[in-house]
Every structure is written in structure tokens, then in C-alpha cells.
Amino acid sequence: MQDKDLKDFQETVDKYLIRHRSILDVMTKYQEASARVNRALAKAVTECGCVSVTASHQQVPEDIAYSEIRQYMQSHLNGALCPHCQEVIAKEMGHALFYSAALCSLTGLSLEKVMQRENSAVSTLGYYYLS
């Protein structure tokens, strides 16, 4: 998504955010949307079965550099989402993005600048970001 697209998206969200304009409504709708993303992924595993989760302790050799750890880490996700599950999860993620943009608008933040700042932090800190 280009910067103009982010700005346009936030403006569109702000334009159509009418019924749930209260910050409390937006906060709880954002949380609900995030939970629905998780639920859709769980259903892809438990109901559809197009993907499965096989989780175990991550096995990382002790004598490697931090920058090499990624190649030993597993996502624990096996398979690929079927077209139906892709559609459902993308829809739910879209709702979560909608409410992220709404939170930005109501608090006076620019979604574009938030994403630029986050990208800069990730790029600058690299492997140490969120570690």
C-alpha cells in the first residue's frame, strides 16, 4: 500500500465512521475485530482443516548469532489457507485495519505516519526490534 493509499483509506474510514464514533466504541470494535481474525484462523484449523498447527518448543542451537536464529524458528503452521479461509481472514483483517484507521483519526494520528514510524523502527533496530 502506498502512502497516498493509506491517507485515502484513513480519510474514507473517517468519512464513514458514523454510528460507532465514540472512542470507547472504536476501542471495543477494534478489539472485537482482532478477536475475529484469531477466530477465523482457528476455524481454518478446526473446521476447515486447510491448515494445522503443530507446536513444540523452538529448537535453536546455542552457538549461533542472533541474526541467524530466524532460520531455526518455526511458525508451527502447516499447509496453506484454502480460498474460502483466505477470503474470510482477509475480510476480518480488513475490519481490524478499519478500526486501526478509526483509532488514528479519533486520536489525531496519521495512519501513514504511524506505519512509517513503525517501519523505520523495525528497519533501524532490525533483529532487536520486539526481542
C-alpha atoms as a PDB file:
ATOM      1  CA  MET A   1       0.000   0.000   0.000  1.00  0.00           C
ATOM      2  CA  GLN A   2       1.398   3.381  -0.966  1.00  0.00           C
ATOM      3  CA  ASP A   3       1.386   6.369   1.363  1.00  0.00           C
ATOM      4  CA  LYS A   4      -1.423   8.020  -0.630  1.00  0.00           C
ATOM      5  CA  ASP A   5      -3.458   4.836  -0.288  1.00  0.00           C
ATOM      6  CA  LEU A   6      -3.046   4.882   3.494  1.00  0.00           C
ATOM      7  CA  LYS A   7      -4.116   8.512   3.659  1.00  0.00           C
ATOM      8  CA  ASP A   8      -7.091   7.842   1.377  1.00  0.00           C
ATOM      9  CA  PHE A   9      -8.053   4.803   3.454  1.00  0.00           C
ATOM     10  CA  GLN A  10      -7.937   6.777   6.694  1.00  0.00           C
ATOM     11  CA  GLU A  11      -9.985   9.604   5.152  1.00  0.00           C
ATOM     12  CA  THR A  12     -12.570   7.115   3.872  1.00  0.00           C
ATOM     13  CA  VAL A  13     -12.801   5.432   7.277  1.00  0.00           C
ATOM     14  CA  ASP A  14     -13.207   8.793   8.976  1.00  0.00           C
ATOM     15  CA  LYS A  15     -15.915   9.794   6.486  1.00  0.00           C
ATOM     16  CA  TYR A  16     -17.990   6.665   7.088  1.00  0.00           C
ATOM     17  CA  LEU A  17     -17.332   6.207  10.802  1.00  0.00           C
ATOM     18  CA  ILE A  18     -20.706   7.471  11.954  1.00  0.00           C
ATOM     19  CA  ARG A  19     -22.554   5.122  14.283  1.00  0.00           C
ATOM     20  CA  HIS A  20     -19.562   3.999  16.338  1.00  0.00           C
ATOM     21  CA  ARG A  21     -17.724   7.318  16.548  1.00  0.00           C
ATOM     22  CA  SER A  22     -17.165   7.220  20.311  1.00  0.00           C
ATOM     23  CA  ILE A  23     -13.583   6.353  21.194  1.00  0.00           C
ATOM     24  CA  LEU A  24     -14.958   3.679  23.527  1.00  0.00           C
ATOM     25  CA  ASP A  25     -16.957   2.134  20.679  1.00  0.00           C
ATOM     26  CA  VAL A  26     -13.939   2.196  18.387  1.00  0.00           C
ATOM     27  CA  MET A  27     -11.647   0.681  21.026  1.00  0.00           C
ATOM     28  CA  THR A  28     -14.019  -2.199  21.678  1.00  0.00           C
ATOM     29  CA  LYS A  29     -14.799  -2.693  17.972  1.00  0.00           C
ATOM     30  CA  TYR A  30     -11.036  -2.847  17.287  1.00  0.00           C
ATOM     31  CA  GLN A  31     -10.611  -5.471  19.991  1.00  0.00           C
ATOM     32  CA  GLU A  32     -13.583  -7.426  18.638  1.00  0.00           C
ATOM     33  CA  ALA A  33     -12.201  -7.247  15.089  1.00  0.00           C
ATOM     34  CA  SER A  34      -8.848  -8.543  16.282  1.00  0.00           C
ATOM     35  CA  ALA A  35     -10.553 -11.418  18.089  1.00  0.00           C
ATOM     36  CA  ARG A  36     -12.477 -12.242  14.901  1.00  0.00           C
ATOM     37  CA  VAL A  37      -9.191 -12.512  12.965  1.00  0.00           C
ATOM     38  CA  ASN A  38      -7.992 -15.006  15.567  1.00  0.00           C
ATOM     39  CA  ARG A  39     -11.296 -16.890  15.451  1.00  0.00           C
ATOM     40  CA  ALA A  40     -11.219 -17.116  11.650  1.00  0.00           C
ATOM     41  CA  LEU A  41      -7.732 -18.582  11.750  1.00  0.00           C
ATOM     42  CA  ALA A  42      -8.763 -21.024  14.466  1.00  0.00           C
ATOM     43  CA  LYS A  43     -11.727 -22.109  12.305  1.00  0.00           C
ATOM     44  CA  ALA A  44      -9.374 -22.665   9.361  1.00  0.00           C
ATOM     45  CA  VAL A  45      -7.632 -25.197  11.596  1.00  0.00           C
ATOM     46  CA  THR A  46     -10.543 -26.768  13.450  1.00  0.00           C
ATOM     47  CA  GLU A  47     -13.445 -26.641  10.997  1.00  0.00           C
ATOM     48  CA  CYS A  48     -11.946 -26.471   7.526  1.00  0.00           C
ATOM     49  CA  GLY A  49      -8.656 -28.206   8.201  1.00  0.00           C
ATOM     50  CA  CYS A  50      -6.828 -26.492   5.329  1.00  0.00           C
ATOM     51  CA  VAL A  51      -4.089 -25.611   7.817  1.00  0.00           C
ATOM     52  CA  SER A  52      -2.923 -27.253  11.001  1.00  0.00           C
ATOM     53  CA  VAL A  53      -0.864 -26.187  13.959  1.00  0.00           C
ATOM     54  CA  THR A  54       1.905 -28.391  15.245  1.00  0.00           C
ATOM     55  CA  ALA A  55       3.560 -26.544  18.080  1.00  0.00           C
ATOM     56  CA  SER A  56       6.552 -27.568  20.085  1.00  0.00           C
ATOM     57  CA  HIS A  57       9.480 -25.974  21.836  1.00  0.00           C
ATOM     58  CA  GLN A  58      11.632 -23.994  19.399  1.00  0.00           C
ATOM     59  CA  GLN A  59      14.972 -25.717  18.839  1.00  0.00           C
ATOM     60  CA  VAL A  60      17.724 -23.118  18.474  1.00  0.00           C
ATOM     61  CA  PRO A  61      21.415 -24.031  18.632  1.00  0.00           C
ATOM     62  CA  GLU A  62      23.257 -22.161  21.368  1.00  0.00           C
ATOM     63  CA  ASP A  63      26.311 -21.282  19.306  1.00  0.00           C
ATOM     64  CA  ILE A  64      24.717 -19.206  16.543  1.00  0.00           C
ATOM     65  CA  ALA A  65      24.492 -15.459  16.044  1.00  0.00           C
ATOM     66  CA  TYR A  66      21.240 -13.709  16.877  1.00  0.00           C
ATOM     67  CA  SER A  67      20.870 -12.760  13.216  1.00  0.00           C
ATOM     68  CA  GLU A  68      20.774 -16.470  12.292  1.00  0.00           C
ATOM     69  CA  ILE A  69      18.040 -17.505  14.736  1.00  0.00           C
ATOM     70  CA  ARG A  70      15.241 -16.790  12.244  1.00  0.00           C
ATOM     71  CA  GLN A  71      16.191 -19.754  10.076  1.00  0.00           C
ATOM     72  CA  TYR A  72      15.643 -22.095  13.046  1.00  0.00           C
ATOM     73  CA  MET A  73      12.312 -20.661  14.192  1.00  0.00           C
ATOM     74  CA  GLN A  74       9.125 -22.412  13.128  1.00  0.00           C
ATOM     75  CA  SER A  75       5.722 -20.795  12.577  1.00  0.00           C
ATOM     76  CA  HIS A  76       4.052 -24.039  13.689  1.00  0.00           C
ATOM     77  CA  LEU A  77       1.567 -23.537  10.842  1.00  0.00           C
ATOM     78  CA  ASN A  78       1.330 -26.356   8.301  1.00  0.00           C
ATOM     79  CA  GLY A  79      -0.481 -26.275   4.983  1.00  0.00           C
ATOM     80  CA  ALA A  80      -1.976 -23.341   3.121  1.00  0.00           C
ATOM     81  CA  LEU A  81      -5.229 -21.493   3.538  1.00  0.00           C
ATOM     82  CA  CYS A  82      -7.926 -22.556   1.101  1.00  0.00           C
ATOM     83  CA  PRO A  83      -9.564 -19.790  -0.962  1.00  0.00           C
ATOM     84  CA  HIS A  84     -12.577 -19.633   1.371  1.00  0.00           C
ATOM     85  CA  CYS A  85     -10.464 -19.276   4.520  1.00  0.00           C
ATOM     86  CA  GLN A  86      -8.227 -16.719   2.789  1.00  0.00           C
ATOM     87  CA  GLU A  87     -11.302 -14.670   1.959  1.00  0.00           C
ATOM     88  CA  VAL A  88     -12.715 -14.849   5.482  1.00  0.00           C
ATOM     89  CA  ILE A  89      -9.412 -13.990   7.175  1.00  0.00           C
ATOM     90  CA  ALA A  90      -8.722 -11.142   4.726  1.00  0.00           C
ATOM     91  CA  LYS A  91     -12.204  -9.746   5.423  1.00  0.00           C
ATOM     92  CA  GLU A  92     -11.667  -9.889   9.184  1.00  0.00           C
ATOM     93  CA  MET A  93      -8.206  -8.332   8.861  1.00  0.00           C
ATOM     94  CA  GLY A  94      -9.780  -5.562   6.781  1.00  0.00           C
ATOM     95  CA  HIS A  95     -12.187  -4.825   9.633  1.00  0.00           C
ATOM     96  CA  ALA A  96      -9.262  -4.697  12.074  1.00  0.00           C
ATOM     97  CA  LEU A  97      -7.463  -2.275   9.757  1.00  0.00           C
ATOM     98  CA  PHE A  98     -10.643  -0.190   9.527  1.00  0.00           C
ATOM     99  CA  TYR A  99     -10.746   0.232  13.286  1.00  0.00           C
ATOM    100  CA  SER A 100      -6.987   0.904  13.444  1.00  0.00           C
ATOM    101  CA  ALA A 101      -7.521   3.745  10.995  1.00  0.00           C
ATOM    102  CA  ALA A 102     -10.525   4.918  13.023  1.00  0.00           C
ATOM    103  CA  LEU A 103      -8.436   4.988  16.204  1.00  0.00           C
ATOM    104  CA  CYS A 104      -5.824   7.046  14.383  1.00  0.00           C
ATOM    105  CA  SER A 105      -8.440   9.513  13.148  1.00  0.00           C
ATOM    106  CA  LEU A 106     -10.125   9.961  16.511  1.00  0.00           C
ATOM    107  CA  THR A 107      -6.816  10.484  18.301  1.00  0.00           C
ATOM    108  CA  GLY A 108      -5.406  12.847  15.674  1.00  0.00           C
ATOM    109  CA  LEU A 109      -2.760  10.435  14.433  1.00  0.00           C
ATOM    110  CA  SER A 110      -1.880   9.794  10.831  1.00  0.00           C
ATOM    111  CA  LEU A 111      -2.050   6.099   9.935  1.00  0.00           C
ATOM    112  CA  GLU A 112       0.565   6.806   7.268  1.00  0.00           C
ATOM    113  CA  LYS A 113       2.964   8.349   9.802  1.00  0.00           C
ATOM    114  CA  VAL A 114       2.317   5.563  12.318  1.00  0.00           C
ATOM    115  CA  MET A 115       3.234   2.973   9.681  1.00  0.00           C
ATOM    116  CA  GLN A 116       6.271   4.981   8.528  1.00  0.00           C
ATOM    117  CA  ARG A 117       7.463   5.307  12.118  1.00  0.00           C
ATOM    118  CA  GLU A 118       6.976   1.598  12.764  1.00  0.00           C
ATOM    119  CA  ASN A 119       8.772   0.700   9.536  1.00  0.00           C
ATOM    120  CA  SER A 120      11.645   2.982  10.475  1.00  0.00           C
ATOM    121  CA  ALA A 121      11.895   1.441  13.948  1.00  0.00           C
ATOM    122  CA  VAL A 122      11.864  -2.097  12.567  1.00  0.00           C
ATOM    123  CA  SER A 123      14.433  -1.192   9.906  1.00  0.00           C
ATOM    124  CA  THR A 124      16.688   0.612  12.374  1.00  0.00           C
ATOM    125  CA  LEU A 125      16.553  -1.945  15.175  1.00  0.00           C
ATOM    126  CA  GLY A 126      16.398  -4.938  12.856  1.00  0.00           C
ATOM    127  CA  TYR A 127      16.742  -8.190  14.740  1.00  0.00           C
ATOM    128  CA  TYR A 128      16.481  -6.442  18.099  1.00  0.00           C
ATOM    129  CA  TYR A 129      13.045  -4.973  17.471  1.00  0.00           C
ATOM    130  CA  LEU A 130      10.465  -6.598  19.805  1.00  0.00           C
ATOM    131  CA  SER A 131      13.042  -9.067  21.109  1.00  0.00           C
END
